[in-house]
Protein backbone atom coordinates (compact mmCIF):
# COMPACT_ATOMS: atom_id res chain seq x y z
CA MET A 1 -8.52 -14.18 29.74
CA GLY A 2 -11.00 -16.93 30.25
CA THR A 3 -14.76 -16.77 31.16
CA PRO A 4 -15.28 -15.28 34.70
CA LEU A 5 -17.40 -17.39 37.10
CA GLY A 6 -20.55 -16.04 38.67
CA ALA A 7 -20.95 -15.36 42.37
CA MET A 8 -22.97 -18.68 42.84
CA ASP A 9 -20.42 -20.58 40.74
CA ARG A 10 -17.60 -19.51 42.95
CA LEU A 11 -19.55 -20.30 46.04
CA PHE A 12 -19.86 -23.84 44.84
CA LEU A 13 -16.13 -23.97 44.30
CA ARG A 14 -15.32 -22.49 47.89
CA LEU A 15 -17.78 -24.88 49.77
CA GLU A 16 -16.13 -27.91 48.39
CA SER A 17 -14.19 -30.02 51.00
CA PRO A 18 -13.28 -33.54 51.52
CA THR A 19 -16.75 -34.19 53.18
CA THR A 20 -18.68 -31.86 50.81
CA PRO A 21 -17.93 -32.41 47.23
CA MET A 22 -19.70 -30.13 45.10
CA HIS A 23 -20.67 -32.19 42.10
CA VAL A 24 -24.05 -33.12 40.97
CA GLY A 25 -25.17 -36.03 38.53
CA GLY A 26 -27.77 -38.12 36.98
CA VAL A 27 -28.40 -41.83 36.30
CA LEU A 28 -30.10 -42.28 32.89
CA VAL A 29 -31.57 -45.83 32.60
CA PHE A 30 -32.41 -47.06 28.88
CA ARG A 31 -34.20 -50.15 27.64
CA GLY A 32 -32.45 -52.00 24.99
CA ALA A 33 -29.42 -53.44 26.34
CA ALA A 34 -28.03 -54.41 22.98
CA HIS A 35 -27.47 -50.75 22.20
CA ALA A 36 -24.98 -50.17 24.89
CA ALA A 37 -21.95 -51.36 22.96
CA THR A 38 -22.83 -49.01 20.10
CA HIS A 39 -23.44 -46.04 22.35
CA LEU A 40 -20.16 -46.51 24.38
CA ALA A 41 -18.24 -46.49 21.21
CA ARG A 42 -19.85 -43.32 20.05
CA LEU A 43 -19.24 -41.56 23.39
CA ARG A 44 -15.67 -42.61 23.31
CA ALA A 45 -15.02 -41.38 19.48
CA ALA A 46 -16.76 -38.10 19.69
CA PRO A 47 -14.62 -35.10 20.48
CA VAL A 48 -15.41 -32.62 23.24
CA VAL A 49 -16.53 -29.43 21.57
CA ALA A 50 -19.55 -28.19 23.39
CA SER A 51 -19.49 -26.13 26.67
CA PRO A 52 -19.43 -26.50 29.60
CA PHE A 53 -17.72 -29.69 28.71
CA ASP A 54 -14.64 -28.18 27.33
CA TRP A 55 -14.13 -26.04 30.35
CA ARG A 56 -11.08 -26.42 32.66
CA LEU A 57 -10.87 -24.39 35.85
CA ARG A 58 -8.07 -21.92 36.14
CA ASP A 59 -8.14 -21.46 39.92
CA ARG A 60 -6.17 -18.38 40.49
CA PRO A 61 -6.63 -16.85 44.09
CA GLY A 62 -9.40 -14.18 43.95
CA ALA A 63 -9.94 -14.77 40.11
CA PRO A 64 -11.11 -18.18 39.10
CA ALA A 65 -12.16 -18.44 35.66
CA TRP A 66 -13.03 -20.94 32.98
CA GLU A 67 -10.60 -21.64 30.05
CA ARG A 68 -11.69 -23.70 26.99
CA VAL A 69 -9.63 -26.78 26.37
CA SER A 70 -9.47 -27.52 22.52
CA GLY A 71 -9.19 -30.93 20.95
CA ALA A 72 -9.99 -32.79 24.41
CA THR A 73 -11.08 -36.45 24.12
CA PRO A 74 -13.68 -37.80 26.49
CA GLU A 75 -12.63 -40.45 29.16
CA VAL A 76 -15.69 -42.74 29.33
CA SER A 77 -15.42 -45.55 31.78
CA HIS A 78 -17.09 -48.88 31.23
CA VAL A 79 -18.78 -50.85 34.16
CA ARG A 80 -20.39 -54.21 34.13
CA LEU A 81 -22.39 -55.17 37.06
CA ALA A 82 -22.30 -58.55 38.63
CA ALA A 83 -25.44 -60.82 38.36
CA PRO A 84 -28.16 -60.27 39.20
CA GLY A 85 -27.76 -56.67 38.24
CA ASP A 86 -30.70 -55.24 40.00
CA ASP A 87 -31.52 -51.65 40.97
CA ALA A 88 -29.81 -52.21 44.30
CA ALA A 89 -26.47 -53.12 42.62
CA LEU A 90 -26.73 -50.06 40.25
CA MET A 91 -27.54 -47.79 43.37
CA ALA A 92 -24.42 -49.28 45.07
CA GLU A 93 -22.17 -48.71 42.00
CA VAL A 94 -23.53 -45.24 41.57
CA SER A 95 -22.86 -44.40 45.42
CA ARG A 96 -19.34 -45.58 45.00
CA LEU A 97 -18.84 -43.34 41.90
CA HIS A 98 -20.56 -40.29 43.22
CA SER A 99 -18.50 -40.36 46.55
CA ARG A 100 -15.30 -39.67 44.58
CA PRO A 101 -14.50 -35.93 44.24
CA LEU A 102 -13.79 -34.59 40.79
CA ASP A 103 -10.08 -33.65 39.63
CA ARG A 104 -9.84 -29.77 39.36
CA ALA A 105 -6.79 -30.27 37.06
CA ARG A 106 -9.15 -31.78 34.29
CA PRO A 107 -12.55 -30.62 32.90
CA LEU A 108 -14.97 -31.12 35.79
CA TRP A 109 -17.14 -33.90 34.75
CA GLU A 110 -17.25 -37.70 34.20
CA CYS A 111 -19.39 -40.13 32.24
CA HIS A 112 -19.78 -43.92 33.12
CA VAL A 113 -21.67 -46.56 30.98
CA ILE A 114 -22.92 -49.44 33.13
CA GLU A 115 -23.98 -52.58 31.69
CA GLY A 116 -25.22 -55.80 33.25
CA LEU A 117 -28.27 -54.25 34.49
CA SER A 118 -31.36 -56.79 34.62
CA GLY A 119 -34.49 -56.44 32.50
CA ASP A 120 -32.78 -55.62 29.13
CA ARG A 121 -31.50 -52.42 30.51
CA PHE A 122 -28.23 -50.30 30.68
CA ALA A 123 -27.40 -47.12 32.27
CA VAL A 124 -25.27 -43.99 31.88
CA TYR A 125 -24.09 -41.87 34.77
CA TYR A 126 -22.98 -38.55 34.40
CA LYS A 127 -21.64 -36.13 37.17
CA MET A 128 -20.53 -32.54 36.83
CA HIS A 129 -19.32 -29.88 39.22
CA HIS A 130 -22.06 -27.45 40.37
CA ALA A 131 -20.06 -24.60 39.45
CA CYS A 132 -20.55 -25.50 35.82
CA ILE A 133 -24.34 -26.18 35.42
CA ASP A 134 -27.51 -26.11 37.46
CA GLY A 135 -30.40 -28.43 37.40
CA VAL A 136 -32.52 -26.76 34.78
CA SER A 137 -29.91 -26.37 32.39
CA ALA A 138 -28.50 -29.86 33.07
CA ILE A 139 -31.93 -31.43 32.06
CA ARG A 140 -32.25 -29.20 28.84
CA ARG A 141 -28.78 -30.39 27.78
CA LEU A 142 -29.80 -34.00 28.44
CA GLN A 143 -32.76 -33.61 26.40
CA SER A 144 -30.91 -31.96 23.51
CA ALA A 145 -28.71 -34.93 23.18
CA LEU A 146 -31.56 -37.52 22.83
CA SER A 147 -34.00 -37.89 20.20
CA PRO A 148 -37.93 -38.54 19.64
CA ASP A 149 -36.83 -40.86 16.66
CA PRO A 150 -35.51 -44.30 17.66
CA ARG A 151 -33.90 -44.69 14.32
CA ALA A 152 -31.86 -41.41 14.73
CA THR A 153 -28.19 -41.24 15.70
CA THR A 154 -27.70 -39.19 18.72
CA PRO A 155 -24.58 -37.43 19.62
CA PRO A 156 -22.97 -37.37 23.10
CA LEU A 157 -23.75 -34.43 25.40
CA TRP A 158 -20.08 -32.85 24.83
CA ALA A 159 -20.67 -33.07 21.03
CA ALA A 160 -24.47 -32.07 20.81
CA GLU A 161 -25.75 -28.84 19.52
CA PRO A 162 -26.62 -26.79 22.67
CA PRO A 163 -30.41 -26.48 23.35
CA PRO A 164 -32.22 -23.08 22.47
CA ARG A 165 -30.59 -20.56 24.60
CA ALA A 166 -32.38 -20.10 28.08
CA ALA A 167 -31.77 -16.44 28.84
CA ARG A 168 -30.92 -15.59 32.46
CA ALA A 169 -33.53 -13.58 33.89
CA ARG A 170 -32.50 -10.05 34.24
CA ALA A 171 -33.70 -6.92 36.24
CA PRO A 172 -35.09 -4.37 34.15
CA GLY A 173 -32.53 -1.50 34.03
CA GLY A 174 -29.01 -2.26 34.96
CA GLY A 175 -26.13 -0.04 36.35
CA PRO A 176 -25.86 1.67 39.75
CA ALA A 177 -29.64 2.42 39.63
CA GLY A 178 -30.43 -1.18 38.96
CA ALA A 179 -28.12 -2.21 41.65
CA ALA A 180 -29.52 0.21 44.17
CA ARG A 181 -33.05 -1.04 43.62
CA SER A 182 -31.90 -4.62 43.89
CA ALA A 183 -30.27 -3.83 47.22
CA ALA A 184 -33.42 -2.01 48.53
CA GLU A 185 -35.51 -4.95 47.70
CA LEU A 186 -33.21 -7.44 49.21
CA ALA A 187 -33.16 -5.35 52.53
CA ALA A 188 -36.85 -5.15 52.48
CA CYS A 189 -37.23 -8.84 52.13
CA LEU A 190 -34.74 -9.58 54.73
CA GLY A 191 -36.45 -7.16 57.21
CA ARG A 192 -39.74 -9.05 56.53
CA LEU A 193 -38.12 -12.34 57.35
CA ALA A 194 -36.68 -11.04 60.46
CA LEU A 195 -40.03 -9.84 61.75
CA ALA A 196 -41.54 -13.24 60.81
CA ALA A 197 -38.80 -15.13 62.79
CA ARG A 198 -41.12 -15.89 65.67
CA ASP A 199 -44.44 -16.39 63.73
CA PRO A 200 -45.46 -19.91 64.71
CA ASP A 201 -48.07 -20.16 61.73
CA PRO A 202 -46.92 -23.25 59.60
CA THR A 203 -48.12 -21.60 56.59
CA ARG A 204 -45.83 -18.63 56.71
CA THR A 205 -42.55 -18.46 54.74
CA ALA A 206 -39.68 -19.91 56.81
CA THR A 207 -36.99 -17.66 58.36
CA PRO A 208 -33.28 -18.53 58.01
CA TYR A 209 -31.60 -20.11 61.00
CA THR A 210 -34.81 -20.97 62.80
CA ALA A 211 -34.58 -24.65 61.79
CA PRO A 212 -34.44 -27.26 64.47
CA SER A 213 -31.40 -29.30 64.90
CA THR A 214 -32.20 -33.10 64.31
CA PRO A 215 -29.96 -36.35 63.78
CA LEU A 216 -30.30 -35.67 60.09
CA ASN A 217 -28.20 -32.38 60.65
CA PRO A 218 -24.65 -33.71 61.67
CA MET A 219 -21.26 -32.99 60.49
CA LEU A 220 -20.79 -35.13 57.37
CA GLY A 221 -18.29 -37.90 56.28
CA PRO A 222 -16.91 -38.49 52.84
CA GLY A 223 -19.06 -41.38 51.87
CA ARG A 224 -22.34 -41.09 49.92
CA ARG A 225 -25.31 -43.51 49.46
CA VAL A 226 -27.70 -43.12 46.48
CA ALA A 227 -31.16 -44.46 46.10
CA TRP A 228 -34.22 -43.65 44.09
CA GLN A 229 -37.93 -44.30 43.73
CA ARG A 230 -40.52 -44.02 41.02
CA LEU A 231 -43.93 -42.34 41.57
CA PRO A 232 -46.74 -42.10 39.07
CA LEU A 233 -46.96 -38.55 37.79
CA HIS A 234 -50.62 -38.70 36.83
CA GLY A 235 -51.53 -39.79 40.32
CA VAL A 236 -49.32 -36.80 41.90
CA ARG A 237 -51.02 -34.58 39.41
CA ALA A 238 -54.33 -35.72 40.54
CA VAL A 239 -53.70 -35.36 44.21
CA ALA A 240 -52.56 -31.90 43.47
CA HIS A 241 -55.48 -30.98 41.44
CA ARG A 242 -58.06 -32.39 44.08
CA ALA A 243 -56.32 -30.50 46.88
CA GLY A 244 -55.95 -27.20 44.93
CA VAL A 245 -52.12 -27.12 45.29
CA THR A 246 -49.17 -27.51 42.84
CA ILE A 247 -47.33 -30.73 42.13
CA ASN A 248 -44.20 -29.20 43.77
CA ASP A 249 -46.36 -28.83 47.01
CA VAL A 250 -47.23 -32.52 46.80
CA ALA A 251 -43.56 -33.45 46.38
CA LEU A 252 -42.66 -31.38 49.39
CA ALA A 253 -45.28 -33.05 51.38
CA LEU A 254 -44.30 -36.61 50.50
CA CYS A 255 -40.75 -35.76 51.62
CA ALA A 256 -42.13 -34.21 54.76
CA HIS A 257 -43.93 -37.46 55.48
CA VAL A 258 -40.88 -39.60 55.03
CA LEU A 259 -38.69 -37.23 57.10
CA ARG A 260 -41.30 -37.13 59.85
CA ASP A 261 -41.39 -40.98 59.88
CA LEU A 262 -37.71 -41.40 59.99
CA LEU A 263 -37.34 -39.01 62.86
CA ARG A 264 -40.21 -40.48 64.94
CA ALA A 265 -38.43 -43.82 64.48
CA ARG A 266 -35.26 -42.35 65.88
CA ASP A 267 -37.33 -40.79 68.76
CA ALA A 268 -36.01 -37.45 67.61
CA LEU A 269 -39.01 -35.54 65.98
CA PRO A 270 -38.94 -31.85 66.98
CA ASP A 271 -42.00 -30.01 67.89
CA ARG A 272 -41.08 -27.18 65.39
CA PRO A 273 -41.37 -27.93 61.58
CA LEU A 274 -38.18 -28.90 59.54
CA VAL A 275 -37.40 -26.38 57.00
CA ALA A 276 -36.57 -27.23 53.49
CA MET A 277 -34.47 -25.06 51.00
CA VAL A 278 -36.14 -25.22 47.59
CA PRO A 279 -34.25 -23.83 44.59
CA VAL A 280 -36.02 -21.70 42.29
CA SER A 281 -34.91 -21.27 38.50
CA LEU A 282 -34.21 -17.71 37.43
CA ARG A 283 -33.95 -18.54 33.99
CA GLY A 284 -36.41 -17.56 31.43
CA PRO A 285 -38.07 -19.96 28.93
CA ALA A 286 -35.97 -21.46 26.11
CA SER A 287 -35.52 -18.86 23.47
CA ASP A 288 -33.20 -17.30 21.08
CA GLY A 289 -31.94 -14.91 23.66
CA ASP A 290 -28.48 -13.39 23.74
CA ASP A 291 -26.99 -14.92 26.86
CA ALA A 292 -24.60 -17.75 25.64
CA GLY A 293 -23.55 -18.53 29.15
CA ALA A 294 -26.98 -19.67 30.02
CA SER A 295 -27.21 -22.27 27.52
CA ALA A 296 -23.40 -23.07 28.00
CA GLY A 297 -23.44 -23.51 31.65
CA GLY A 298 -23.17 -21.83 35.15
CA ASN A 299 -25.99 -21.09 37.67
CA ALA A 300 -29.00 -19.02 37.43
CA VAL A 301 -30.72 -20.06 40.57
CA GLY A 302 -32.43 -18.63 43.52
CA SER A 303 -34.38 -20.42 46.33
CA ILE A 304 -37.15 -20.09 48.97
CA LEU A 305 -37.51 -21.70 52.38
CA CYS A 306 -40.43 -23.68 53.23
CA LYS A 307 -41.78 -25.02 56.54
CA LEU A 308 -42.47 -28.70 55.91
CA GLY A 309 -45.18 -29.05 58.65
CA THR A 310 -43.60 -32.33 60.08
CA HIS A 311 -45.06 -31.49 63.54
CA LEU A 312 -48.48 -32.01 62.20
CA HIS A 313 -49.96 -35.62 62.27
CA GLY A 314 -52.24 -35.71 59.28
CA PRO A 315 -51.07 -35.97 55.66
CA ARG A 316 -53.85 -33.47 54.41
CA GLU A 317 -53.03 -31.00 57.14
CA ARG A 318 -49.37 -31.31 56.36
CA LEU A 319 -50.00 -30.70 52.76
CA ASP A 320 -52.11 -27.65 53.32
CA ALA A 321 -49.21 -26.25 55.53
CA VAL A 322 -46.56 -26.95 53.08
CA ALA A 323 -48.54 -25.32 50.12
CA GLY A 324 -49.24 -22.24 52.30
CA SER A 325 -45.56 -21.79 53.23
CA ALA A 326 -44.35 -22.49 49.85
CA ARG A 327 -46.98 -20.02 48.26
CA ALA A 328 -45.77 -17.42 50.63
CA GLY A 329 -42.04 -17.80 49.76
CA LYS A 330 -42.73 -17.81 46.03
CA ALA A 331 -44.69 -14.68 46.43
CA MET A 332 -41.81 -13.01 48.08
CA VAL A 333 -39.52 -14.10 45.29
CA ARG A 334 -41.74 -13.03 42.64
CA ALA A 335 -41.98 -9.54 44.19
CA MET A 336 -38.25 -9.11 43.76
CA SER A 337 -36.18 -8.57 40.72
CA PRO A 338 -34.27 -11.57 39.56
CA ALA A 339 -31.08 -9.73 40.60
CA ALA A 340 -32.52 -9.23 44.16
CA ALA A 341 -33.84 -12.69 44.16
CA ALA A 342 -30.48 -14.24 43.44
CA GLY A 343 -28.69 -11.79 46.14
CA PHE A 344 -31.42 -12.82 48.74
CA SER A 345 -30.25 -16.44 48.29
CA LEU A 346 -26.83 -15.63 48.75
CA ALA A 347 -27.26 -13.27 51.57
CA TYR A 348 -29.26 -15.72 53.83
CA SER A 349 -26.61 -18.61 53.18
CA LEU A 350 -23.65 -16.39 54.04
CA PRO A 351 -23.34 -16.95 57.78
CA ALA A 352 -23.64 -20.67 57.13
CA VAL A 353 -20.99 -20.38 54.51
CA ALA A 354 -18.70 -18.53 56.66
CA ALA A 355 -19.22 -20.93 59.46
CA GLN A 356 -18.14 -23.80 57.16
CA LEU A 357 -15.07 -22.16 55.71
CA THR A 358 -13.78 -21.29 59.15
CA GLY A 359 -14.41 -24.64 60.53
CA LEU A 360 -17.33 -23.45 62.91
CA ALA A 361 -20.32 -25.21 61.22
CA ARG A 362 -20.78 -27.59 64.02
CA ARG A 363 -21.79 -24.68 66.43
CA ALA A 364 -23.47 -22.39 64.02
CA PRO A 365 -27.31 -22.28 63.73
CA LEU A 366 -28.98 -24.22 60.75
CA PRO A 367 -30.20 -22.11 57.87
CA PHE A 368 -32.43 -25.06 56.98
CA ASN A 369 -32.74 -28.85 57.45
CA VAL A 370 -32.92 -30.27 53.96
CA VAL A 371 -32.83 -29.50 50.38
CA VAL A 372 -35.76 -30.60 48.10
CA SER A 373 -35.58 -29.81 44.41
CA ASN A 374 -38.02 -30.49 41.63
CA VAL A 375 -36.97 -30.05 37.93
CA PRO A 376 -39.17 -30.70 34.94
CA GLY A 377 -38.12 -33.31 32.45
CA PRO A 378 -39.14 -34.70 29.11
CA ARG A 379 -42.72 -35.50 28.69
CA ALA A 380 -42.41 -37.46 25.19
CA PRO A 381 -40.63 -40.74 24.76
CA LEU A 382 -36.88 -40.13 23.99
CA TYR A 383 -34.13 -42.42 22.49
CA CYS A 384 -30.40 -42.61 22.57
CA ASP A 385 -28.86 -44.60 19.64
CA GLY A 386 -32.09 -46.62 19.42
CA ALA A 387 -32.52 -47.24 23.14
CA GLU A 388 -35.46 -45.88 24.85
CA LEU A 389 -34.96 -43.85 27.80
CA GLU A 390 -36.87 -45.33 30.74
CA ALA A 391 -35.79 -43.18 33.78
CA ILE A 392 -33.70 -40.06 34.95
CA TYR A 393 -32.78 -40.48 38.50
CA PRO A 394 -31.04 -37.16 39.72
CA VAL A 395 -28.08 -37.24 42.12
CA SER A 396 -27.50 -34.08 44.05
CA LEU A 397 -25.00 -32.84 46.59
CA LEU A 398 -24.86 -32.28 50.36
CA PHE A 399 -23.98 -29.16 52.22
CA GLU A 400 -22.48 -29.50 55.65
CA ARG A 401 -24.93 -30.71 58.30
CA GLN A 402 -27.47 -31.64 55.62
CA ALA A 403 -27.29 -35.42 55.54
CA ILE A 404 -30.02 -35.97 53.18
CA ASN A 405 -31.36 -34.47 49.87
CA PHE A 406 -34.48 -35.03 47.85
CA THR A 407 -34.32 -34.22 44.06
CA LEU A 408 -37.12 -34.90 41.75
CA VAL A 409 -37.25 -35.03 37.85
CA SER A 410 -40.46 -35.83 35.75
CA CYS A 411 -39.77 -38.28 32.94
CA GLY A 412 -42.67 -39.51 30.86
CA ASP A 413 -45.56 -40.55 33.15
CA HIS A 414 -43.49 -40.86 36.23
CA LEU A 415 -41.86 -38.59 38.88
CA ASP A 416 -38.40 -40.06 39.50
CA VAL A 417 -37.08 -39.14 43.07
CA GLY A 418 -33.54 -39.41 43.59
CA LEU A 419 -32.17 -39.39 47.20
CA LEU A 420 -28.66 -38.71 48.31
CA ALA A 421 -27.50 -39.09 51.84
CA CYS A 422 -24.20 -39.36 53.97
CA ALA A 423 -23.30 -42.96 54.29
CA ASP A 424 -22.34 -42.42 57.99
CA SER A 425 -25.59 -40.76 59.00
CA VAL A 426 -28.24 -42.42 56.95
CA PRO A 427 -27.70 -46.03 56.42
CA ASP A 428 -31.02 -47.24 55.53
CA LEU A 429 -31.47 -44.97 52.59
CA GLY A 430 -33.15 -47.66 50.34
CA ALA A 431 -35.79 -48.24 52.98
CA ILE A 432 -36.45 -44.50 53.08
CA ALA A 433 -36.92 -44.28 49.48
CA ALA A 434 -39.46 -47.14 49.57
CA GLN A 435 -41.55 -45.05 51.96
CA LEU A 436 -42.03 -42.49 49.53
CA VAL A 437 -44.52 -44.99 47.99
CA ASP A 438 -46.55 -45.22 51.23
CA ALA A 439 -46.43 -41.39 51.74
CA TYR A 440 -47.92 -41.12 48.35
CA ARG A 441 -50.73 -43.73 49.08
CA ALA A 442 -51.41 -41.96 52.47
CA LEU A 443 -51.75 -38.58 51.01
CA ASP A 444 -53.87 -39.96 48.11
CA ALA A 445 -56.26 -41.33 50.44
CA ALA A 446 -56.35 -38.24 52.76
CA VAL A 447 -57.06 -36.11 49.81
């Protein structure tokens, strides 16, 4: 019969179009170029035995499901960059690879080993359909396929033992009574959001469909552009500590700073704050739980809406506004059961989804301006067939009328920021990524 898809998984499949491919990815950069050939050979030789890598979509109308493919062999491509093989060349290659949609007749993932990178490095770029996996699960899988021992042999992702099962957070008490409680919580939260729609306080939680329209919210083209930047994690943590906020608040404020400068340069900064959708994991901590699907794949994620304070001039003032709005959104989600929190995210996105599916997205109000996601990554050094992991640059996806995305992953003592943009609407993405350093310095000085 196959494994049925969850509601969020089906949504990612329905939203896919030629201009909105729904795959996500990551670029793993390793130090030790001499290890690349060994790793490539190991990747190509290992059979596909772990889920969700052995899943193939059985896309029947009204009843999509995953079916397992036994005995599949991976198709791992090999790319060699032309000299000088700098990060700009790697970004260009990943941009090309990420612009291509996945073939639904095959398992919905790809792997590419990229050599020729300067500085004694090589890279591995993975991409997978978001219907198969969410960010937290993806990072856990990546860490499970690496080793703290540089002498260890590391299996590919599709042949690695799954990480300790991360149980999906569940509402206490299932059945009709639990569903009724979730529905009541959801209705109450949507009602509070409706009452807050006209609240100008920048520290309040944002209301869906009150985001101002900007040049960063056009109809999208099919091309994608990728860029990234590294920030010192200890410095970001110190700013958060001095300001009495979280690292995630600082990350949101840095993205807000960059977006404000970008729109000011285009003479298009609105007098209302931009609104970010911030994904929130609904998975519990890694455990020996009984939810096999959580470790295998699928999505267990909700979201909050956060005002970014882009109408405020000072970096510290903007940080305080962002932190207050994020705090209010998190408090609302924490007050709900996990089932209601997941339903809340689906409910406020349904009008935008309906508009996209019916071809009316151009005229529909915006649910939010941008997606900013922050996923915790490995803290200790990790190795892949003897090569040390240097960076993890996440590469996310774009929804219709969302021309830029920021995704952050902590890796060792750095915060790796991956930017994805519509190539038609944001041609200067590399310069925007570089401005994150200026934003960090300005906020550090202000705090």
